[in-house]
Amino acid sequence: MYESGHLRKGLKIEIDGDPYIIVQFEFVKPGKGQALYKCKLKNMLTGAQFDRTFRSSDKFKEASLEEHEMEFLYVDGTQYCFMNTATWIQEFLSEDQLGENRNLIKENTKCNVLFFKEKPIGIALPNFIVLKVIKTDPWTKGDTASGSTKTATLETGYVVQVPPFIDEGELIRIDTRTGEYVERVKA
């Protein structure tokens, strides 16, 4: 059981029998009265998001989610196929269930698939993933303005801002929590 003081971004809680993840979190202490916790919640089954305010006395049940290590195999239309690496059982997730993560996974990527009441509902990617740059503008020598970036398209179709020295064909590390470029990777 969680108390309101334990709320934070990314925490998974159960409300009215459904699992929710906290997308945004803000602590509010009014001049008079008790502290409030303003949260933006996302229903992990439907994807619906809404704002909700909790009092400091509220308590929450931890979402009973299971994680199984699985490997992404292929896309069949709008369904993404994952295989349990221990049992070889295949599970399918929709584009909606994957959300933005679908732009960061490629075939044979290992990740944790989240299950709620024995049904797959989403994935948890590793914090960092290595992808290949397939399209970007060439670097102009002398273009060294501090903080300058350019757009790069990765092998999964994901578009990210990268430093000007990154060329096509290079491998880069992406932070899956923010979706941002981290560093160039030596092959």
N, C-alpha and C. Protein backbone atom coordinates (compact mmCIF):
# COMPACT_ATOMS: atom_id res chain seq x y z
N MET A 1 0.84 -1.18 0.00
CA MET A 1 0.00 0.00 0.00
C MET A 1 0.89 1.25 0.00
N TYR A 2 0.59 2.16 -0.91
CA TYR A 2 1.34 3.41 -0.97
C TYR A 2 0.52 4.51 -0.30
N GLU A 3 1.22 5.47 0.29
CA GLU A 3 0.58 6.69 0.77
C GLU A 3 0.86 7.79 -0.24
N SER A 4 0.13 8.89 -0.13
CA SER A 4 0.30 9.98 -1.10
C SER A 4 1.73 10.50 -1.16
N GLY A 5 2.44 10.46 -0.05
CA GLY A 5 3.82 10.93 -0.01
C GLY A 5 4.77 10.10 -0.87
N HIS A 6 4.35 8.89 -1.26
CA HIS A 6 5.18 8.02 -2.08
C HIS A 6 4.96 8.24 -3.58
N LEU A 7 3.97 9.05 -3.94
CA LEU A 7 3.67 9.26 -5.36
C LEU A 7 4.84 9.92 -6.06
N ARG A 8 5.12 9.48 -7.29
CA ARG A 8 6.17 10.07 -8.12
C ARG A 8 5.91 9.66 -9.57
N LYS A 9 6.55 10.34 -10.48
CA LYS A 9 6.41 10.04 -11.90
C LYS A 9 6.89 8.61 -12.17
N GLY A 10 6.10 7.86 -12.94
CA GLY A 10 6.47 6.50 -13.31
C GLY A 10 5.94 5.43 -12.38
N LEU A 11 5.40 5.83 -11.22
CA LEU A 11 4.85 4.85 -10.27
C LEU A 11 3.58 4.24 -10.85
N LYS A 12 3.42 2.93 -10.66
CA LYS A 12 2.24 2.23 -11.16
C LYS A 12 1.34 1.89 -9.98
N ILE A 13 0.10 2.40 -10.02
CA ILE A 13 -0.86 2.17 -8.94
C ILE A 13 -2.14 1.60 -9.52
N GLU A 14 -2.96 1.02 -8.63
CA GLU A 14 -4.24 0.45 -9.05
C GLU A 14 -5.36 1.28 -8.46
N ILE A 15 -6.28 1.73 -9.31
CA ILE A 15 -7.44 2.50 -8.88
C ILE A 15 -8.67 1.84 -9.49
N ASP A 16 -9.64 1.50 -8.66
CA ASP A 16 -10.89 0.85 -9.12
C ASP A 16 -10.62 -0.37 -9.98
N GLY A 17 -9.59 -1.14 -9.65
CA GLY A 17 -9.31 -2.39 -10.35
C GLY A 17 -8.52 -2.26 -11.64
N ASP A 18 -8.15 -1.04 -12.04
CA ASP A 18 -7.37 -0.84 -13.26
C ASP A 18 -5.97 -0.32 -12.92
N PRO A 19 -4.95 -0.73 -13.70
CA PRO A 19 -3.60 -0.22 -13.45
C PRO A 19 -3.40 1.15 -14.11
N TYR A 20 -2.77 2.06 -13.38
CA TYR A 20 -2.46 3.40 -13.89
C TYR A 20 -0.99 3.68 -13.66
N ILE A 21 -0.43 4.50 -14.55
CA ILE A 21 0.94 4.98 -14.36
C ILE A 21 0.87 6.49 -14.22
N ILE A 22 1.67 7.03 -13.30
CA ILE A 22 1.70 8.48 -13.09
C ILE A 22 2.61 9.10 -14.14
N VAL A 23 2.02 9.94 -14.99
CA VAL A 23 2.74 10.57 -16.09
C VAL A 23 3.38 11.88 -15.64
N GLN A 24 2.63 12.67 -14.86
CA GLN A 24 3.14 13.92 -14.30
C GLN A 24 2.72 13.99 -12.84
N PHE A 25 3.52 14.68 -12.05
CA PHE A 25 3.27 14.74 -10.62
C PHE A 25 3.67 16.12 -10.10
N GLU A 26 2.81 16.69 -9.24
CA GLU A 26 3.12 17.99 -8.65
C GLU A 26 2.61 18.02 -7.21
N PHE A 27 3.47 18.44 -6.30
CA PHE A 27 3.10 18.60 -4.89
C PHE A 27 2.66 20.04 -4.69
N VAL A 28 1.47 20.23 -4.08
CA VAL A 28 0.94 21.57 -3.86
C VAL A 28 0.64 21.73 -2.37
N LYS A 29 1.22 22.75 -1.76
CA LYS A 29 0.97 23.04 -0.35
C LYS A 29 0.30 24.40 -0.28
N PRO A 30 -1.03 24.40 -0.15
CA PRO A 30 -1.72 25.69 -0.06
C PRO A 30 -1.40 26.38 1.28
N GLY A 31 -1.64 27.67 1.34
CA GLY A 31 -1.36 28.42 2.56
C GLY A 31 -2.19 27.92 3.73
N LYS A 32 -3.37 27.43 3.43
CA LYS A 32 -4.27 26.95 4.47
C LYS A 32 -4.79 25.58 4.06
N GLY A 33 -4.83 24.66 4.96
CA GLY A 33 -5.35 23.33 4.64
C GLY A 33 -4.23 22.32 4.43
N GLN A 34 -4.63 21.12 4.05
CA GLN A 34 -3.65 20.04 3.90
C GLN A 34 -3.02 20.03 2.51
N ALA A 35 -1.89 19.36 2.43
CA ALA A 35 -1.14 19.27 1.17
C ALA A 35 -1.93 18.46 0.14
N LEU A 36 -1.72 18.80 -1.13
CA LEU A 36 -2.39 18.11 -2.23
C LEU A 36 -1.35 17.58 -3.21
N TYR A 37 -1.69 16.53 -3.90
CA TYR A 37 -0.83 15.93 -4.91
C TYR A 37 -1.60 15.92 -6.22
N LYS A 38 -1.18 16.74 -7.17
CA LYS A 38 -1.83 16.78 -8.48
C LYS A 38 -1.09 15.84 -9.42
N CYS A 39 -1.82 14.91 -10.01
CA CYS A 39 -1.21 13.90 -10.87
C CYS A 39 -1.94 13.82 -12.20
N LYS A 40 -1.17 13.54 -13.24
CA LYS A 40 -1.76 13.15 -14.52
C LYS A 40 -1.56 11.64 -14.60
N LEU A 41 -2.65 10.91 -14.71
CA LEU A 41 -2.62 9.45 -14.73
C LEU A 41 -2.94 8.93 -16.11
N LYS A 42 -2.32 7.80 -16.46
CA LYS A 42 -2.61 7.13 -17.73
C LYS A 42 -3.08 5.72 -17.42
N ASN A 43 -4.27 5.38 -17.91
CA ASN A 43 -4.79 4.02 -17.74
C ASN A 43 -3.97 3.10 -18.63
N MET A 44 -3.35 2.09 -18.04
CA MET A 44 -2.45 1.22 -18.79
C MET A 44 -3.21 0.22 -19.67
N LEU A 45 -4.52 0.09 -19.47
CA LEU A 45 -5.32 -0.80 -20.31
C LEU A 45 -5.89 -0.08 -21.52
N THR A 46 -6.39 1.14 -21.31
CA THR A 46 -7.05 1.87 -22.38
C THR A 46 -6.20 2.97 -22.99
N GLY A 47 -5.19 3.45 -22.27
CA GLY A 47 -4.36 4.55 -22.75
C GLY A 47 -4.94 5.91 -22.43
N ALA A 48 -6.15 5.96 -21.85
CA ALA A 48 -6.79 7.23 -21.53
C ALA A 48 -6.02 7.95 -20.43
N GLN A 49 -5.90 9.28 -20.55
CA GLN A 49 -5.20 10.09 -19.56
C GLN A 49 -6.16 11.08 -18.94
N PHE A 50 -5.98 11.35 -17.65
CA PHE A 50 -6.78 12.36 -16.98
C PHE A 50 -6.03 12.90 -15.77
N ASP A 51 -6.46 14.07 -15.30
CA ASP A 51 -5.86 14.70 -14.13
C ASP A 51 -6.66 14.31 -12.90
N ARG A 52 -5.94 14.13 -11.80
CA ARG A 52 -6.62 13.80 -10.54
C ARG A 52 -5.81 14.38 -9.39
N THR A 53 -6.51 14.89 -8.39
CA THR A 53 -5.87 15.47 -7.22
C THR A 53 -6.12 14.55 -6.02
N PHE A 54 -5.06 14.28 -5.27
CA PHE A 54 -5.15 13.42 -4.10
C PHE A 54 -4.79 14.21 -2.85
N ARG A 55 -5.39 13.84 -1.73
CA ARG A 55 -5.05 14.44 -0.44
C ARG A 55 -3.89 13.67 0.18
N SER A 56 -3.24 14.27 1.14
CA SER A 56 -2.09 13.62 1.78
C SER A 56 -2.50 12.39 2.58
N SER A 57 -3.78 12.23 2.89
CA SER A 57 -4.24 11.08 3.66
C SER A 57 -4.65 9.89 2.78
N ASP A 58 -4.69 10.08 1.46
CA ASP A 58 -5.11 9.00 0.55
C ASP A 58 -4.07 7.88 0.50
N LYS A 59 -4.58 6.66 0.29
CA LYS A 59 -3.71 5.49 0.17
C LYS A 59 -4.01 4.78 -1.15
N PHE A 60 -2.98 4.11 -1.69
CA PHE A 60 -3.11 3.47 -3.00
C PHE A 60 -2.56 2.06 -2.97
N LYS A 61 -3.19 1.21 -3.75
CA LYS A 61 -2.72 -0.17 -3.89
C LYS A 61 -1.71 -0.21 -5.04
N GLU A 62 -0.63 -0.94 -4.84
CA GLU A 62 0.36 -1.12 -5.90
C GLU A 62 -0.27 -1.94 -7.02
N ALA A 63 -0.07 -1.51 -8.27
CA ALA A 63 -0.61 -2.26 -9.40
C ALA A 63 0.07 -3.62 -9.47
N SER A 64 -0.73 -4.67 -9.55
CA SER A 64 -0.17 -6.04 -9.56
C SER A 64 0.22 -6.42 -10.99
N LEU A 65 1.36 -5.90 -11.40
CA LEU A 65 1.87 -6.16 -12.74
C LEU A 65 2.99 -7.19 -12.67
N GLU A 66 3.03 -8.04 -13.67
CA GLU A 66 4.13 -8.99 -13.80
C GLU A 66 4.96 -8.56 -15.01
N GLU A 67 6.26 -8.80 -14.94
CA GLU A 67 7.14 -8.52 -16.07
C GLU A 67 7.79 -9.81 -16.52
N HIS A 68 7.76 -10.05 -17.82
CA HIS A 68 8.43 -11.22 -18.39
C HIS A 68 9.41 -10.74 -19.45
N GLU A 69 10.64 -11.27 -19.42
CA GLU A 69 11.61 -10.90 -20.46
C GLU A 69 11.18 -11.55 -21.76
N MET A 70 11.03 -10.71 -22.78
CA MET A 70 10.60 -11.19 -24.08
C MET A 70 11.44 -10.54 -25.16
N GLU A 71 11.38 -11.10 -26.34
CA GLU A 71 12.14 -10.60 -27.49
C GLU A 71 11.15 -10.19 -28.57
N PHE A 72 11.35 -8.97 -29.11
CA PHE A 72 10.49 -8.50 -30.19
C PHE A 72 10.87 -9.22 -31.47
N LEU A 73 9.88 -9.86 -32.12
CA LEU A 73 10.16 -10.64 -33.32
C LEU A 73 9.82 -9.90 -34.61
N TYR A 74 8.56 -9.45 -34.76
CA TYR A 74 8.15 -8.84 -36.02
C TYR A 74 6.85 -8.06 -35.84
N VAL A 75 6.49 -7.29 -36.90
CA VAL A 75 5.24 -6.54 -36.93
C VAL A 75 4.33 -7.21 -37.95
N ASP A 76 3.09 -7.44 -37.57
CA ASP A 76 2.08 -8.00 -38.47
C ASP A 76 0.93 -7.01 -38.53
N GLY A 77 0.98 -6.10 -39.52
CA GLY A 77 -0.03 -5.04 -39.60
C GLY A 77 0.17 -4.05 -38.47
N THR A 78 -0.79 -4.02 -37.54
CA THR A 78 -0.68 -3.13 -36.38
C THR A 78 -0.37 -3.91 -35.10
N GLN A 79 -0.09 -5.20 -35.24
CA GLN A 79 0.21 -6.06 -34.10
C GLN A 79 1.72 -6.33 -34.04
N TYR A 80 2.28 -6.22 -32.84
CA TYR A 80 3.71 -6.45 -32.62
C TYR A 80 3.85 -7.78 -31.87
N CYS A 81 4.66 -8.68 -32.43
CA CYS A 81 4.82 -10.01 -31.86
C CYS A 81 6.06 -10.08 -30.97
N PHE A 82 5.87 -10.57 -29.75
CA PHE A 82 6.94 -10.76 -28.78
C PHE A 82 6.97 -12.22 -28.36
N MET A 83 8.18 -12.75 -28.12
CA MET A 83 8.31 -14.14 -27.70
C MET A 83 8.99 -14.21 -26.33
N ASN A 84 8.39 -14.98 -25.43
CA ASN A 84 8.98 -15.21 -24.12
C ASN A 84 10.25 -16.02 -24.32
N THR A 85 11.38 -15.52 -23.84
CA THR A 85 12.66 -16.18 -24.07
C THR A 85 12.83 -17.46 -23.26
N ALA A 86 11.98 -17.68 -22.26
CA ALA A 86 12.08 -18.89 -21.44
C ALA A 86 11.12 -19.98 -21.91
N THR A 87 9.89 -19.58 -22.30
CA THR A 87 8.86 -20.57 -22.63
C THR A 87 8.57 -20.65 -24.13
N TRP A 88 9.07 -19.74 -24.92
CA TRP A 88 8.86 -19.65 -26.36
C TRP A 88 7.41 -19.29 -26.74
N ILE A 89 6.61 -18.89 -25.77
CA ILE A 89 5.22 -18.49 -26.04
C ILE A 89 5.24 -17.10 -26.65
N GLN A 90 4.43 -16.92 -27.71
CA GLN A 90 4.35 -15.62 -28.38
C GLN A 90 3.12 -14.86 -27.92
N GLU A 91 3.28 -13.56 -27.73
CA GLU A 91 2.20 -12.65 -27.34
C GLU A 91 2.18 -11.49 -28.33
N PHE A 92 0.99 -10.94 -28.57
CA PHE A 92 0.84 -9.81 -29.48
C PHE A 92 0.37 -8.58 -28.73
N LEU A 93 0.96 -7.44 -29.08
CA LEU A 93 0.57 -6.15 -28.52
C LEU A 93 0.23 -5.22 -29.67
N SER A 94 -0.75 -4.35 -29.46
CA SER A 94 -1.14 -3.40 -30.51
C SER A 94 -0.26 -2.16 -30.47
N GLU A 95 -0.35 -1.35 -31.53
CA GLU A 95 0.40 -0.08 -31.56
C GLU A 95 0.01 0.80 -30.38
N ASP A 96 -1.28 0.82 -30.04
CA ASP A 96 -1.74 1.64 -28.93
C ASP A 96 -1.13 1.20 -27.61
N GLN A 97 -0.99 -0.12 -27.42
CA GLN A 97 -0.42 -0.62 -26.18
C GLN A 97 1.07 -0.26 -26.06
N LEU A 98 1.76 -0.20 -27.19
CA LEU A 98 3.19 0.14 -27.17
C LEU A 98 3.42 1.63 -27.03
N GLY A 99 2.51 2.44 -27.56
CA GLY A 99 2.67 3.89 -27.49
C GLY A 99 3.91 4.33 -28.26
N GLU A 100 4.64 5.30 -27.70
CA GLU A 100 5.84 5.83 -28.35
C GLU A 100 6.98 4.82 -28.40
N ASN A 101 6.92 3.79 -27.56
CA ASN A 101 7.98 2.78 -27.55
C ASN A 101 8.09 2.04 -28.88
N ARG A 102 7.02 2.02 -29.65
CA ARG A 102 7.06 1.29 -30.93
C ARG A 102 8.07 1.90 -31.90
N ASN A 103 8.41 3.17 -31.71
CA ASN A 103 9.38 3.83 -32.58
C ASN A 103 10.82 3.56 -32.17
N LEU A 104 11.01 2.89 -31.04
CA LEU A 104 12.36 2.68 -30.54
C LEU A 104 12.80 1.22 -30.56
N ILE A 105 11.91 0.31 -30.94
CA ILE A 105 12.31 -1.10 -30.93
C ILE A 105 12.53 -1.61 -32.35
N LYS A 106 13.49 -2.50 -32.47
CA LYS A 106 13.75 -3.17 -33.74
C LYS A 106 13.72 -4.66 -33.48
N GLU A 107 13.69 -5.44 -34.55
CA GLU A 107 13.63 -6.89 -34.40
C GLU A 107 14.77 -7.39 -33.53
N ASN A 108 14.47 -8.40 -32.74
CA ASN A 108 15.40 -9.07 -31.82
C ASN A 108 15.78 -8.22 -30.60
N THR A 109 15.04 -7.13 -30.35
CA THR A 109 15.28 -6.33 -29.15
C THR A 109 14.66 -7.05 -27.95
N LYS A 110 15.45 -7.18 -26.88
CA LYS A 110 14.92 -7.79 -25.66
C LYS A 110 14.36 -6.68 -24.78
N CYS A 111 13.19 -6.93 -24.21
CA CYS A 111 12.55 -5.97 -23.33
C CYS A 111 11.65 -6.73 -22.36
N ASN A 112 11.11 -6.02 -21.40
CA ASN A 112 10.18 -6.63 -20.46
C ASN A 112 8.76 -6.29 -20.90
N VAL A 113 7.93 -7.31 -21.05
CA VAL A 113 6.52 -7.10 -21.37
C VAL A 113 5.75 -7.12 -20.06
N LEU A 114 4.90 -6.10 -19.88
CA LEU A 114 4.10 -5.97 -18.66
C LEU A 114 2.79 -6.73 -18.83
N PHE A 115 2.44 -7.52 -17.82
CA PHE A 115 1.20 -8.29 -17.82
C PHE A 115 0.34 -7.85 -16.64
N PHE A 116 -0.97 -7.71 -16.89
CA PHE A 116 -1.94 -7.42 -15.85
C PHE A 116 -3.03 -8.47 -15.96
N LYS A 117 -3.21 -9.25 -14.91
CA LYS A 117 -4.17 -10.36 -14.90
C LYS A 117 -3.93 -11.30 -16.08
N GLU A 118 -2.65 -11.62 -16.29
CA GLU A 118 -2.18 -12.56 -17.30
C GLU A 118 -2.40 -12.11 -18.75
N LYS A 119 -2.66 -10.82 -18.96
CA LYS A 119 -2.79 -10.27 -20.32
C LYS A 119 -1.70 -9.23 -20.54
N PRO A 120 -1.03 -9.27 -21.71
CA PRO A 120 0.01 -8.26 -21.97
C PRO A 120 -0.61 -6.89 -22.18
N ILE A 121 -0.03 -5.87 -21.53
CA ILE A 121 -0.61 -4.52 -21.64
C ILE A 121 0.40 -3.48 -22.09
N GLY A 122 1.68 -3.80 -22.14
CA GLY A 122 2.68 -2.82 -22.55
C GLY A 122 4.08 -3.37 -22.39
N ILE A 123 5.07 -2.52 -22.69
CA ILE A 123 6.46 -2.95 -22.58
C ILE A 123 7.27 -1.94 -21.78
N ALA A 124 8.34 -2.43 -21.20
CA ALA A 124 9.32 -1.58 -20.52
C ALA A 124 10.66 -1.82 -21.22
N LEU A 125 11.11 -0.83 -21.96
CA LEU A 125 12.38 -0.94 -22.68
C LEU A 125 13.55 -0.75 -21.74
N PRO A 126 14.74 -1.25 -22.13
CA PRO A 126 15.93 -0.91 -21.35
C PRO A 126 16.12 0.61 -21.38
N ASN A 127 16.83 1.17 -20.41
CA ASN A 127 17.01 2.62 -20.35
C ASN A 127 17.70 3.20 -21.58
N PHE A 128 18.60 2.42 -22.19
CA PHE A 128 19.32 2.89 -23.37
C PHE A 128 19.24 1.84 -24.46
N ILE A 129 19.17 2.30 -25.70
CA ILE A 129 19.09 1.40 -26.84
C ILE A 129 19.98 1.96 -27.95
N VAL A 130 20.64 1.08 -28.71
CA VAL A 130 21.54 1.50 -29.78
C VAL A 130 20.83 1.31 -31.12
N LEU A 131 20.78 2.39 -31.91
CA LEU A 131 20.13 2.36 -33.22
C LEU A 131 21.05 2.99 -34.27
N LYS A 132 20.82 2.61 -35.53
CA LYS A 132 21.64 3.10 -36.64
C LYS A 132 20.97 4.30 -37.31
N VAL A 133 21.77 5.30 -37.64
CA VAL A 133 21.29 6.48 -38.36
C VAL A 133 21.21 6.12 -39.85
N ILE A 134 20.01 6.28 -40.45
CA ILE A 134 19.88 5.95 -41.87
C ILE A 134 19.77 7.19 -42.75
N LYS A 135 19.42 8.34 -42.14
CA LYS A 135 19.31 9.55 -42.95
C LYS A 135 19.59 10.77 -42.07
N THR A 136 20.48 11.63 -42.56
CA THR A 136 20.76 12.90 -41.89
C THR A 136 21.47 13.81 -42.89
N ASP A 137 21.41 15.09 -42.63
CA ASP A 137 22.11 16.04 -43.50
C ASP A 137 23.61 15.94 -43.26
N PRO A 138 24.42 16.19 -44.29
CA PRO A 138 25.88 16.14 -44.09
C PRO A 138 26.34 17.28 -43.19
N TRP A 139 27.48 17.06 -42.54
CA TRP A 139 28.05 18.05 -41.65
C TRP A 139 28.90 19.01 -42.46
N THR A 140 28.66 20.30 -42.29
CA THR A 140 29.45 21.33 -42.95
C THR A 140 30.61 21.69 -42.04
N LYS A 141 31.84 21.54 -42.54
CA LYS A 141 33.01 21.83 -41.72
C LYS A 141 32.98 23.30 -41.30
N GLY A 142 33.25 23.51 -40.04
CA GLY A 142 33.23 24.87 -39.51
C GLY A 142 31.90 25.22 -38.86
N ASP A 143 30.91 24.33 -39.00
CA ASP A 143 29.60 24.55 -38.39
C ASP A 143 29.68 24.10 -36.93
N THR A 144 30.26 24.95 -36.10
CA THR A 144 30.52 24.56 -34.71
C THR A 144 29.79 25.45 -33.72
N ALA A 145 28.70 26.03 -34.11
CA ALA A 145 27.95 26.85 -33.17
C ALA A 145 27.55 25.99 -31.98
N SER A 146 27.78 26.51 -30.79
CA SER A 146 27.50 25.70 -29.60
C SER A 146 26.01 25.38 -29.52
N GLY A 147 25.73 24.14 -29.19
CA GLY A 147 24.35 23.71 -29.06
C GLY A 147 23.64 23.42 -30.36
N SER A 148 24.36 23.47 -31.49
CA SER A 148 23.69 23.23 -32.76
C SER A 148 23.42 21.74 -32.93
N THR A 149 22.28 21.43 -33.50
CA THR A 149 21.91 20.03 -33.76
C THR A 149 21.30 19.94 -35.14
N LYS A 150 21.13 18.70 -35.59
CA LYS A 150 20.45 18.45 -36.85
C LYS A 150 19.54 17.25 -36.67
N THR A 151 18.63 17.08 -37.60
CA THR A 151 17.66 15.99 -37.53
C THR A 151 18.24 14.73 -38.14
N ALA A 152 18.02 13.59 -37.47
CA ALA A 152 18.46 12.30 -37.99
C ALA A 152 17.30 11.32 -37.91
N THR A 153 17.15 10.51 -38.97
CA THR A 153 16.15 9.45 -38.98
C THR A 153 16.87 8.13 -38.69
N LEU A 154 16.34 7.37 -37.75
CA LEU A 154 16.96 6.11 -37.34
C LEU A 154 16.32 4.93 -38.06
N GLU A 155 16.93 3.75 -37.94
CA GLU A 155 16.49 2.57 -38.66
C GLU A 155 15.05 2.16 -38.35
N THR A 156 14.51 2.58 -37.22
CA THR A 156 13.13 2.26 -36.86
C THR A 156 12.15 3.30 -37.37
N GLY A 157 12.67 4.38 -37.97
CA GLY A 157 11.82 5.48 -38.43
C GLY A 157 11.73 6.61 -37.42
N TYR A 158 12.30 6.42 -36.25
CA TYR A 158 12.28 7.44 -35.20
C TYR A 158 13.17 8.61 -35.62
N VAL A 159 12.70 9.83 -35.37
CA VAL A 159 13.44 11.05 -35.72
C VAL A 159 13.93 11.69 -34.43
N VAL A 160 15.24 12.03 -34.40
CA VAL A 160 15.86 12.58 -33.20
C VAL A 160 16.83 13.68 -33.58
N GLN A 161 17.07 14.60 -32.66
CA GLN A 161 18.06 15.65 -32.86
C GLN A 161 19.43 15.12 -32.42
N VAL A 162 20.43 15.29 -33.28
CA VAL A 162 21.79 14.80 -33.00
C VAL A 162 22.79 15.92 -33.24
N PRO A 163 24.01 15.80 -32.68
CA PRO A 163 25.05 16.79 -32.96
C PRO A 163 25.44 16.75 -34.44
N PRO A 164 26.01 17.84 -34.96
CA PRO A 164 26.32 17.91 -36.39
C PRO A 164 27.36 16.90 -36.88
N PHE A 165 28.18 16.33 -36.00
CA PHE A 165 29.22 15.40 -36.44
C PHE A 165 28.70 13.98 -36.69
N ILE A 166 27.45 13.70 -36.41
CA ILE A 166 26.88 12.36 -36.63
C ILE A 166 26.55 12.22 -38.12
N ASP A 167 27.02 11.11 -38.73
CA ASP A 167 26.80 10.85 -40.15
C ASP A 167 25.91 9.63 -40.34
N GLU A 168 25.42 9.47 -41.58
CA GLU A 168 24.62 8.30 -41.92
C GLU A 168 25.45 7.04 -41.72
N GLY A 169 24.80 5.97 -41.24
CA GLY A 169 25.47 4.70 -41.03
C GLY A 169 26.08 4.53 -39.65
N GLU A 170 26.14 5.61 -38.86
CA GLU A 170 26.72 5.51 -37.52
C GLU A 170 25.69 4.97 -36.53
N LEU A 171 26.20 4.36 -35.47
CA LEU A 171 25.36 3.87 -34.38
C LEU A 171 25.34 4.91 -33.28
N ILE A 172 24.14 5.17 -32.73
CA ILE A 172 24.02 6.12 -31.62
C ILE A 172 23.20 5.48 -30.50
N ARG A 173 23.44 5.96 -29.29
CA ARG A 173 22.71 5.49 -28.11
C ARG A 173 21.58 6.48 -27.83
N ILE A 174 20.37 5.95 -27.62
CA ILE A 174 19.19 6.76 -27.33
C ILE A 174 18.70 6.42 -25.92
N ASP A 175 18.34 7.45 -25.15
CA ASP A 175 17.74 7.25 -23.83
C ASP A 175 16.25 7.01 -24.06
N THR A 176 15.76 5.81 -23.76
CA THR A 176 14.35 5.48 -24.04
C THR A 176 13.39 6.20 -23.11
N ARG A 177 13.87 6.72 -22.00
CA ARG A 177 12.98 7.45 -21.08
C ARG A 177 12.65 8.83 -21.61
N THR A 178 13.61 9.46 -22.31
CA THR A 178 13.40 10.81 -22.83
C THR A 178 13.30 10.84 -24.35
N GLY A 179 13.79 9.79 -25.02
CA GLY A 179 13.80 9.75 -26.48
C GLY A 179 14.90 10.58 -27.09
N GLU A 180 15.90 10.98 -26.30
CA GLU A 180 16.95 11.87 -26.78
C GLU A 180 18.27 11.14 -27.05
N TYR A 181 19.06 11.75 -27.93
CA TYR A 181 20.42 11.28 -28.24
C TYR A 181 21.28 11.35 -26.98
N VAL A 182 22.12 10.31 -26.76
CA VAL A 182 23.03 10.31 -25.62
C VAL A 182 24.48 10.40 -26.10
N GLU A 183 24.88 9.47 -27.00
CA GLU A 183 26.27 9.45 -27.46
C GLU A 183 26.39 8.61 -28.72
N ARG A 184 27.55 8.80 -29.39
CA ARG A 184 27.89 7.98 -30.54
C ARG A 184 28.48 6.67 -30.01
N VAL A 185 28.18 5.56 -30.70
CA VAL A 185 28.66 4.25 -30.27
C VAL A 185 29.65 3.74 -31.30
N LYS A 186 30.80 3.27 -30.83
CA LYS A 186 31.80 2.67 -31.73
C LYS A 186 31.33 1.28 -32.10
N ALA A 187 31.40 0.95 -33.38
CA ALA A 187 30.95 -0.37 -33.85
C ALA A 187 31.92 -1.46 -33.49
